[in-house]
N, C-alpha and C. Protein backbone atom coordinates (compact mmCIF):
# COMPACT_ATOMS: atom_id res chain seq x y z
N MET A 1 45.28 13.29 -61.07
CA MET A 1 43.52 14.16 -61.22
C MET A 1 44.52 15.37 -61.20
N THR A 2 44.31 16.22 -62.16
CA THR A 2 44.67 17.69 -61.94
C THR A 2 43.84 18.75 -61.89
N ARG A 3 43.92 19.84 -61.21
CA ARG A 3 42.41 20.44 -60.68
C ARG A 3 43.49 21.88 -61.25
N HIS A 4 42.64 22.61 -61.46
CA HIS A 4 43.05 24.33 -61.90
C HIS A 4 42.98 24.83 -60.16
N PRO A 5 44.43 25.48 -60.48
CA PRO A 5 44.55 26.31 -58.81
C PRO A 5 43.39 26.83 -58.45
N HIS A 6 42.82 27.52 -59.12
CA HIS A 6 41.75 28.65 -58.83
C HIS A 6 40.45 28.21 -58.63
N ARG A 7 40.05 26.71 -58.63
CA ARG A 7 38.82 25.62 -58.52
C ARG A 7 39.31 24.97 -57.29
N PRO A 8 38.48 25.10 -56.57
CA PRO A 8 38.58 23.85 -55.27
C PRO A 8 38.22 22.53 -56.03
N SER A 9 38.81 21.47 -55.55
CA SER A 9 38.22 20.23 -55.65
C SER A 9 37.27 19.98 -54.91
N HIS A 10 36.10 18.99 -55.02
CA HIS A 10 35.28 18.72 -54.47
C HIS A 10 35.42 17.92 -53.33
N HIS A 11 36.81 17.16 -52.97
CA HIS A 11 37.39 16.99 -52.21
C HIS A 11 37.57 17.87 -50.80
N GLN A 12 37.98 18.78 -50.96
CA GLN A 12 37.87 19.64 -49.70
C GLN A 12 37.05 20.22 -49.10
N GLY A 13 35.93 19.23 -49.08
CA GLY A 13 34.50 19.60 -47.95
C GLY A 13 34.01 20.73 -48.78
N LEU A 14 33.06 21.56 -47.65
CA LEU A 14 32.39 22.61 -47.80
C LEU A 14 32.54 23.39 -47.69
N ARG A 15 33.84 23.88 -46.73
CA ARG A 15 34.28 25.19 -46.83
C ARG A 15 34.62 26.01 -47.84
N LEU A 16 34.27 26.83 -47.63
CA LEU A 16 34.48 28.43 -48.74
C LEU A 16 35.73 29.04 -48.37
N SER A 17 36.37 29.06 -49.94
CA SER A 17 37.86 29.87 -49.54
C SER A 17 38.00 31.25 -49.14
N LEU A 18 38.76 31.48 -48.55
CA LEU A 18 39.20 33.07 -47.80
C LEU A 18 38.21 33.85 -48.71
N ARG A 19 38.31 33.81 -49.97
CA ARG A 19 37.95 34.85 -51.07
C ARG A 19 36.42 34.84 -51.08
N ARG A 20 36.14 33.72 -51.14
CA ARG A 20 34.59 33.61 -50.88
C ARG A 20 34.13 34.02 -49.79
N LYS A 21 34.53 33.82 -48.89
CA LYS A 21 34.36 34.21 -47.39
C LYS A 21 34.31 35.86 -47.12
N ARG A 22 35.39 36.37 -47.82
CA ARG A 22 35.15 37.65 -47.78
C ARG A 22 34.21 38.42 -48.28
N ALA A 23 34.24 37.93 -49.76
CA ALA A 23 32.99 38.22 -50.39
C ALA A 23 31.45 38.39 -50.08
N LEU A 24 30.95 37.10 -49.41
CA LEU A 24 30.26 36.79 -48.84
C LEU A 24 29.82 37.76 -47.63
N TYR A 25 30.98 38.13 -46.53
CA TYR A 25 30.47 38.87 -45.68
C TYR A 25 30.25 40.08 -45.72
N ALA A 26 30.99 40.69 -47.19
CA ALA A 26 31.04 41.89 -47.33
C ALA A 26 29.73 42.37 -48.17
N ILE A 27 29.45 41.54 -49.06
CA ILE A 27 28.09 41.79 -49.71
C ILE A 27 27.01 41.68 -48.63
N PHE A 28 26.97 40.44 -47.75
CA PHE A 28 25.39 40.50 -47.13
C PHE A 28 25.73 41.24 -46.02
N GLY A 29 26.76 41.80 -45.40
CA GLY A 29 26.69 42.51 -44.58
C GLY A 29 26.37 43.73 -44.81
N GLY A 30 26.79 44.49 -46.24
CA GLY A 30 26.78 45.74 -46.95
C GLY A 30 25.17 46.04 -47.17
N ALA A 31 24.45 44.31 -47.79
CA ALA A 31 23.01 44.75 -47.86
C ALA A 31 22.31 44.93 -46.30
N TRP A 32 22.54 44.18 -45.54
CA TRP A 32 21.89 44.18 -44.34
C TRP A 32 22.58 45.78 -43.66
N ALA A 33 23.74 46.38 -43.49
CA ALA A 33 24.21 47.45 -43.10
C ALA A 33 23.49 48.80 -43.74
N THR A 34 23.62 48.54 -45.04
CA THR A 34 22.51 49.67 -45.88
C THR A 34 21.17 49.58 -45.80
N GLY A 35 20.51 48.56 -45.76
CA GLY A 35 18.81 48.29 -45.11
C GLY A 35 18.91 49.09 -44.22
N ILE A 36 19.35 48.84 -43.07
CA ILE A 36 19.48 49.21 -41.51
C ILE A 36 19.44 50.62 -41.99
N LEU A 37 20.41 51.24 -42.20
CA LEU A 37 20.80 52.56 -42.31
C LEU A 37 19.47 53.16 -43.05
N TRP A 38 18.82 52.67 -44.21
CA TRP A 38 17.95 52.93 -44.88
C TRP A 38 16.69 53.31 -43.77
N LEU A 39 16.57 51.89 -43.26
CA LEU A 39 15.62 52.22 -42.15
C LEU A 39 15.44 53.64 -41.08
N VAL A 40 16.78 53.78 -40.58
CA VAL A 40 17.05 54.64 -39.65
C VAL A 40 16.57 55.85 -40.33
N PHE A 41 17.32 56.31 -41.55
CA PHE A 41 17.29 57.62 -41.99
C PHE A 41 16.32 57.99 -42.42
N HIS A 42 15.54 56.92 -43.04
CA HIS A 42 13.93 57.19 -43.50
C HIS A 42 12.92 57.21 -42.25
N TYR A 43 13.11 56.88 -41.18
CA TYR A 43 11.74 56.94 -40.23
C TYR A 43 12.06 57.62 -38.95
N PHE A 44 13.60 57.98 -39.01
CA PHE A 44 13.99 58.55 -37.50
C PHE A 44 15.27 60.12 -38.19
N LEU A 45 15.50 60.37 -38.99
CA LEU A 45 16.42 61.41 -39.37
C LEU A 45 15.98 62.08 -40.46
N TYR A 46 14.55 62.64 -40.79
CA TYR A 46 13.76 62.83 -42.01
C TYR A 46 14.10 65.07 -41.11
N ARG A 47 14.09 65.58 -42.20
CA ARG A 47 14.46 66.92 -41.73
C ARG A 47 12.95 67.97 -41.78
N GLN A 48 12.69 68.92 -41.09
CA GLN A 48 12.21 69.67 -41.48
C GLN A 48 12.61 71.01 -42.37
N GLY A 49 11.67 70.95 -43.70
CA GLY A 49 12.37 71.88 -44.47
C GLY A 49 11.03 73.08 -44.71
N GLU A 50 11.51 73.49 -45.60
CA GLU A 50 10.33 74.83 -46.00
C GLU A 50 8.84 74.49 -45.98
N PHE A 51 8.48 73.08 -46.45
CA PHE A 51 7.03 72.83 -46.73
C PHE A 51 6.98 71.64 -45.38
N GLY A 52 7.36 71.27 -44.87
CA GLY A 52 7.18 69.96 -43.80
C GLY A 52 8.73 68.99 -43.79
N ALA A 53 8.13 68.21 -43.49
CA ALA A 53 9.55 67.07 -43.26
C ALA A 53 9.73 66.65 -44.36
N GLU A 54 11.10 66.36 -45.08
CA GLU A 54 12.17 66.17 -45.83
C GLU A 54 12.66 64.96 -45.14
N PRO A 55 13.12 64.19 -46.37
CA PRO A 55 13.92 62.91 -46.40
C PRO A 55 15.21 63.54 -46.19
N HIS A 56 16.19 62.85 -45.25
CA HIS A 56 17.45 62.72 -45.05
C HIS A 56 18.45 63.16 -46.43
N PRO A 57 19.06 63.88 -46.88
CA PRO A 57 19.96 63.60 -48.12
C PRO A 57 20.58 62.38 -48.24
N LEU A 58 20.99 61.64 -47.25
CA LEU A 58 21.46 60.66 -47.29
C LEU A 58 20.34 59.26 -47.78
N GLU A 59 19.68 59.67 -47.62
CA GLU A 59 18.59 58.43 -47.40
C GLU A 59 18.47 57.66 -48.61
N ILE A 60 18.28 58.38 -49.75
CA ILE A 60 18.77 57.72 -51.19
C ILE A 60 19.63 57.00 -51.81
N TRP A 61 20.63 57.48 -50.79
CA TRP A 61 22.02 57.08 -51.32
C TRP A 61 22.25 55.34 -50.53
N TRP A 62 21.68 55.50 -49.17
CA TRP A 62 21.57 54.41 -48.50
C TRP A 62 20.56 53.05 -49.35
N LEU A 63 19.48 53.88 -49.88
CA LEU A 63 18.60 52.74 -50.77
C LEU A 63 19.13 52.53 -51.79
N ARG A 64 20.06 53.45 -52.69
CA ARG A 64 21.12 52.80 -53.79
C ARG A 64 21.98 52.11 -53.74
N LEU A 65 22.74 51.98 -52.89
CA LEU A 65 23.81 50.99 -52.00
C LEU A 65 23.01 49.81 -51.66
N HIS A 66 21.93 49.79 -50.77
CA HIS A 66 21.14 48.23 -50.76
C HIS A 66 20.85 47.50 -52.15
N GLY A 67 20.41 48.66 -52.93
CA GLY A 67 20.24 47.66 -54.34
C GLY A 67 21.34 47.17 -54.88
N ALA A 68 22.18 48.06 -55.11
CA ALA A 68 23.40 47.38 -55.32
C ALA A 68 24.18 45.95 -54.66
N CYS A 69 24.15 46.47 -53.57
CA CYS A 69 24.36 44.97 -52.35
C CYS A 69 23.39 43.88 -53.05
N ALA A 70 22.02 44.13 -52.84
CA ALA A 70 20.81 42.74 -53.30
C ALA A 70 21.40 42.42 -54.21
N PHE A 71 21.45 43.39 -55.80
CA PHE A 71 22.12 42.60 -57.12
C PHE A 71 23.30 41.74 -57.07
N ALA A 72 24.30 42.01 -56.03
CA ALA A 72 25.55 41.21 -56.06
C ALA A 72 25.25 39.95 -55.06
N ALA A 73 24.29 40.27 -53.84
CA ALA A 73 23.78 39.07 -53.24
C ALA A 73 23.36 38.11 -53.92
N LEU A 74 22.65 38.60 -54.98
CA LEU A 74 22.09 37.14 -55.93
C LEU A 74 23.15 36.57 -56.78
N TRP A 75 23.73 37.48 -57.26
CA TRP A 75 25.56 37.04 -57.80
C TRP A 75 25.60 35.64 -57.22
N LEU A 76 26.24 36.58 -55.64
CA LEU A 76 26.81 35.85 -54.63
C LEU A 76 26.21 34.39 -54.65
N GLY A 77 24.58 34.40 -54.44
CA GLY A 77 23.93 33.11 -54.38
C GLY A 77 24.27 32.04 -55.26
N GLY A 78 23.65 32.60 -56.45
CA GLY A 78 24.62 31.57 -57.75
C GLY A 78 25.90 31.23 -57.62
N LEU A 79 26.64 31.76 -57.39
CA LEU A 79 28.21 31.06 -57.23
C LEU A 79 28.06 30.01 -55.69
N LEU A 80 27.40 30.60 -54.42
CA LEU A 80 27.41 29.32 -53.61
C LEU A 80 26.85 28.66 -54.04
N TRP A 81 25.68 28.52 -54.84
CA TRP A 81 24.74 27.53 -54.87
C TRP A 81 25.54 26.17 -55.62
N THR A 82 26.62 26.82 -56.20
CA THR A 82 27.32 25.57 -57.04
C THR A 82 28.73 24.98 -56.06
N ALA A 83 28.89 26.26 -55.66
CA ALA A 83 30.45 25.66 -54.90
C ALA A 83 29.95 25.36 -53.37
N HIS A 84 28.70 25.64 -52.86
CA HIS A 84 28.65 25.30 -51.26
C HIS A 84 27.22 24.69 -51.14
N VAL A 85 26.13 25.20 -51.62
CA VAL A 85 25.01 24.54 -51.46
C VAL A 85 24.65 23.19 -51.76
N ARG A 86 24.68 22.89 -53.68
CA ARG A 86 24.78 21.92 -53.64
C ARG A 86 25.55 20.78 -53.47
N PRO A 87 26.82 20.54 -52.83
CA PRO A 87 27.19 19.84 -52.27
C PRO A 87 27.27 19.62 -50.92
N ALA A 88 26.34 20.69 -50.40
CA ALA A 88 26.21 20.41 -48.88
C ALA A 88 24.69 19.86 -48.72
N LEU A 89 24.11 19.76 -50.07
CA LEU A 89 22.53 18.64 -50.04
C LEU A 89 22.79 17.52 -49.77
N ALA A 90 23.78 17.12 -50.12
CA ALA A 90 24.28 15.48 -49.80
C ALA A 90 24.90 14.98 -48.24
N ARG A 91 24.84 16.03 -47.75
CA ARG A 91 25.31 15.85 -46.53
C ARG A 91 24.11 16.33 -45.31
N PRO A 92 24.00 15.67 -44.07
CA PRO A 92 23.32 16.07 -43.19
C PRO A 92 23.22 16.99 -42.55
N GLY A 93 24.60 17.47 -42.19
CA GLY A 93 24.96 18.66 -41.21
C GLY A 93 24.21 19.66 -40.92
N ARG A 94 24.45 20.90 -41.64
CA ARG A 94 23.59 21.91 -41.13
C ARG A 94 22.68 22.26 -42.33
N ARG A 95 22.16 21.16 -43.08
CA ARG A 95 20.97 21.23 -44.26
C ARG A 95 19.78 22.22 -43.63
N ARG A 96 19.49 21.93 -42.45
CA ARG A 96 18.26 22.53 -42.24
C ARG A 96 18.57 24.42 -42.15
N SER A 97 19.91 24.71 -41.53
CA SER A 97 19.91 25.67 -41.48
C SER A 97 20.39 26.83 -42.85
N GLY A 98 21.19 25.53 -43.73
CA GLY A 98 21.01 26.39 -44.95
C GLY A 98 20.31 26.70 -45.71
N LEU A 99 19.10 25.56 -45.61
CA LEU A 99 17.97 25.88 -46.27
C LEU A 99 17.18 26.94 -45.86
N LEU A 100 16.96 27.19 -44.69
CA LEU A 100 16.55 28.14 -44.06
C LEU A 100 17.18 29.49 -44.97
N LEU A 101 18.12 29.49 -44.76
CA LEU A 101 19.11 30.73 -45.75
C LEU A 101 18.60 30.86 -46.91
N LEU A 102 18.02 29.75 -47.77
CA LEU A 102 18.08 29.99 -49.27
C LEU A 102 16.91 30.12 -49.37
N GLY A 103 15.53 29.83 -48.44
CA GLY A 103 14.34 30.36 -48.41
C GLY A 103 14.58 31.91 -48.39
N LEU A 104 15.05 32.30 -46.87
CA LEU A 104 15.32 33.80 -46.52
C LEU A 104 15.52 34.53 -47.79
N LEU A 105 16.81 34.06 -48.57
CA LEU A 105 17.09 34.65 -49.37
C LEU A 105 16.09 34.86 -50.71
N ALA A 106 15.55 33.76 -51.32
CA ALA A 106 14.29 33.76 -51.92
C ALA A 106 13.39 34.57 -51.62
N ILE A 107 12.41 35.10 -50.24
CA ILE A 107 12.12 35.66 -50.07
C ILE A 107 12.29 37.08 -50.11
N LEU A 108 13.44 37.72 -49.67
CA LEU A 108 14.13 38.88 -49.63
C LEU A 108 13.94 39.18 -51.38
N ALA A 109 14.60 38.41 -52.32
CA ALA A 109 14.61 38.59 -53.34
C ALA A 109 13.28 38.96 -53.92
N ALA A 110 12.24 38.58 -53.72
CA ALA A 110 10.78 38.32 -54.15
C ALA A 110 10.46 39.47 -53.49
N THR A 111 10.69 39.91 -52.18
CA THR A 111 10.21 41.18 -51.77
C THR A 111 10.92 42.21 -52.06
N GLY A 112 11.80 42.56 -52.60
CA GLY A 112 13.01 43.45 -52.94
C GLY A 112 12.06 43.40 -54.54
N TYR A 113 11.82 42.67 -55.29
CA TYR A 113 11.06 42.84 -56.65
C TYR A 113 9.92 43.83 -56.68
N LEU A 114 9.07 43.24 -55.61
CA LEU A 114 7.77 43.80 -55.35
C LEU A 114 7.71 45.36 -55.06
N LEU A 115 8.83 45.54 -54.17
CA LEU A 115 8.99 46.54 -53.61
C LEU A 115 9.37 47.43 -54.76
N TYR A 116 10.03 47.21 -55.67
CA TYR A 116 10.17 48.01 -56.80
C TYR A 116 9.17 48.12 -57.81
N TYR A 117 8.54 46.79 -57.76
CA TYR A 117 7.25 46.92 -59.27
C TYR A 117 6.20 46.89 -58.38
N ALA A 118 5.75 46.80 -57.52
CA ALA A 118 4.32 46.33 -57.27
C ALA A 118 3.31 47.84 -57.29
N GLY A 119 2.44 47.87 -57.98
CA GLY A 119 1.65 49.27 -57.89
C GLY A 119 0.72 49.14 -56.96
N ASP A 120 0.33 48.20 -56.27
CA ASP A 120 -0.82 48.08 -55.57
C ASP A 120 0.04 48.25 -54.24
N ASP A 121 -0.79 49.42 -53.20
CA ASP A 121 -0.22 49.61 -51.72
C ASP A 121 -0.42 48.43 -50.82
N ARG A 122 -1.56 47.71 -50.84
CA ARG A 122 -1.59 47.15 -50.23
C ARG A 122 -0.44 45.65 -50.18
N TRP A 123 0.22 45.32 -51.56
CA TRP A 123 1.03 44.63 -52.13
C TRP A 123 2.44 44.90 -51.51
N ARG A 124 2.48 46.24 -51.68
CA ARG A 124 3.96 46.74 -51.10
C ARG A 124 3.99 47.01 -49.87
N ASP A 125 2.84 47.33 -49.09
CA ASP A 125 3.34 47.15 -47.48
C ASP A 125 3.15 45.89 -46.95
N VAL A 126 2.57 44.98 -47.39
CA VAL A 126 3.17 43.44 -46.71
C VAL A 126 4.41 43.24 -47.84
N ALA A 127 5.18 43.36 -48.32
CA ALA A 127 6.59 43.08 -49.08
C ALA A 127 7.43 44.30 -48.15
N ARG A 128 7.08 45.01 -47.95
CA ARG A 128 7.77 46.28 -46.94
C ARG A 128 8.12 45.57 -45.43
N TRP A 129 6.85 44.90 -45.11
CA TRP A 129 7.19 44.32 -43.96
C TRP A 129 7.88 43.16 -43.47
N LEU A 130 7.42 42.40 -44.72
CA LEU A 130 8.20 40.97 -44.83
C LEU A 130 9.57 41.17 -44.61
N HIS A 131 9.83 41.82 -45.88
CA HIS A 131 11.19 42.39 -46.08
C HIS A 131 12.26 42.78 -44.97
N TRP A 132 11.26 43.58 -44.45
CA TRP A 132 12.54 44.38 -43.03
C TRP A 132 12.60 43.11 -42.16
N LEU A 133 11.57 42.18 -41.97
CA LEU A 133 11.53 41.20 -41.18
C LEU A 133 12.41 39.98 -41.38
N VAL A 134 12.36 39.96 -42.38
CA VAL A 134 13.42 38.76 -43.07
C VAL A 134 14.53 39.64 -43.08
N GLY A 135 14.67 40.41 -43.66
CA GLY A 135 16.41 41.29 -43.40
C GLY A 135 17.10 40.96 -42.56
N VAL A 136 16.05 41.47 -41.54
CA VAL A 136 17.21 41.54 -40.42
C VAL A 136 16.90 39.84 -39.83
N ALA A 137 16.31 39.03 -39.66
CA ALA A 137 16.36 37.74 -39.50
C ALA A 137 17.71 36.86 -40.30
N PHE A 138 17.92 37.40 -41.52
CA PHE A 138 18.86 36.79 -42.42
C PHE A 138 20.23 36.87 -41.58
N ALA A 139 20.50 37.94 -41.16
CA ALA A 139 21.91 38.18 -40.56
C ALA A 139 22.13 37.26 -39.54
N PHE A 140 21.02 36.95 -38.57
CA PHE A 140 21.07 35.92 -37.44
C PHE A 140 21.13 34.50 -37.72
N VAL A 141 20.36 34.20 -38.63
CA VAL A 141 20.09 32.77 -39.08
C VAL A 141 21.91 32.68 -39.85
N LEU A 142 22.13 33.54 -40.72
CA LEU A 142 23.75 33.33 -41.08
C LEU A 142 24.48 33.13 -39.94
N GLY A 143 24.64 34.34 -39.32
CA GLY A 143 25.59 33.71 -38.28
C GLY A 143 25.75 32.59 -37.42
N ILE A 144 24.56 32.05 -36.97
CA ILE A 144 24.02 30.75 -36.23
C ILE A 144 24.86 29.59 -37.27
N HIS A 145 24.12 29.77 -38.55
CA HIS A 145 24.81 28.63 -39.72
C HIS A 145 26.26 28.62 -39.45
N VAL A 146 26.88 29.73 -39.76
CA VAL A 146 28.47 29.85 -39.62
C VAL A 146 29.04 29.28 -38.13
N MET A 147 28.41 29.82 -37.20
CA MET A 147 29.03 29.59 -36.01
C MET A 147 28.85 27.89 -35.63
N ARG A 148 27.88 27.60 -36.20
CA ARG A 148 27.38 25.94 -36.36
C ARG A 148 28.63 25.38 -36.78
N ALA A 149 29.10 25.49 -38.20
CA ALA A 149 30.09 25.26 -39.26
C ALA A 149 31.25 25.01 -38.45
N ARG A 150 31.81 26.47 -37.66
CA ARG A 150 32.69 26.56 -36.80
C ARG A 150 32.73 25.57 -36.03
N ALA A 151 32.03 24.97 -35.06
CA ALA A 151 32.29 24.43 -34.22
C ALA A 151 32.03 23.12 -34.56
N ALA A 152 31.53 22.60 -35.47
CA ALA A 152 31.83 21.18 -35.83
C ALA A 152 32.91 20.72 -36.73
N ARG A 153 33.71 21.72 -37.05
CA ARG A 153 34.73 21.85 -37.93
C ARG A 153 36.02 22.01 -36.62
N GLY A 154 35.71 22.35 -35.49
CA GLY A 154 36.73 22.30 -34.42
C GLY A 154 36.46 21.18 -33.58
N ARG A 155 35.07 20.62 -33.66
CA ARG A 155 35.01 18.87 -32.95
C ARG A 155 35.54 18.17 -33.97
N LEU A 156 35.56 18.21 -35.43
CA LEU A 156 36.32 17.15 -36.28
C LEU A 156 37.58 17.51 -36.13
N MET A 157 38.27 18.85 -35.98
CA MET A 157 39.83 18.99 -35.63
C MET A 157 40.57 17.97 -34.53
N ASP A 158 39.58 18.12 -33.11
CA ASP A 158 39.75 17.72 -32.11
C ASP A 158 39.90 16.07 -32.12
N ALA A 159 38.53 15.39 -32.90
CA ALA A 159 38.80 14.29 -32.60
C ALA A 159 40.09 13.71 -33.75
N GLN A 160 39.91 14.30 -34.71
CA GLN A 160 41.28 13.80 -35.62
C GLN A 160 42.81 13.99 -35.04
N ALA A 161 42.92 14.96 -34.10
CA ALA A 161 44.06 14.86 -33.20
C ALA A 161 44.20 13.75 -32.51
N ARG A 162 42.62 13.51 -31.42
CA ARG A 162 42.93 12.19 -30.74
C ARG A 162 43.16 11.11 -31.36
N THR A 163 43.05 10.73 -32.29
CA THR A 163 43.04 9.66 -33.21
C THR A 163 44.44 9.66 -33.63
N ARG A 164 44.81 10.55 -33.97
CA ARG A 164 46.60 10.67 -34.49
C ARG A 164 47.22 10.68 -33.10
N ALA A 165 46.94 11.06 -31.82
CA ALA A 165 47.44 10.77 -30.85
C ALA A 165 47.37 9.15 -30.37
N SER A 166 46.73 8.71 -30.81
CA SER A 166 46.28 7.47 -30.22
C SER A 166 46.72 6.25 -30.81
N ILE A 167 47.30 6.89 -32.15
CA ILE A 167 47.77 5.85 -32.78
C ILE A 167 49.70 5.54 -32.35
């Protein structure tokens, strides 16, 4: 069986390549950080202008970067669906935390859409709070998912080393 050098085979397990891990951390980390920065600049770093409180000049740039990271996160989600999620659904390991991450990502996409397009202020308020809460939670759930995967991989490597040593 020949395989393309840039495409991992299904026999390599669920581990992501270093390049995909870096993309995941950069994009999701960027979306999380720019979202937090927008919240800080929007609610705490406004300026007093000639006619009262004004937004900080960097606030809009954090929102624009957040939107760009969110767009990239949706693209990355599609990539991860093929390379990581679909094969993982066949295994019992961290299926719950992975499905939770998918659900949170879907909520973030839906609430982001509503924040951009909803005209009704009540819908926007609900979407705003939900987006903030889920966005903050997403980083923690992703961190737990990654740490559990690393711990499981360490236990597997220890078991394999013990098996080799006993042979």
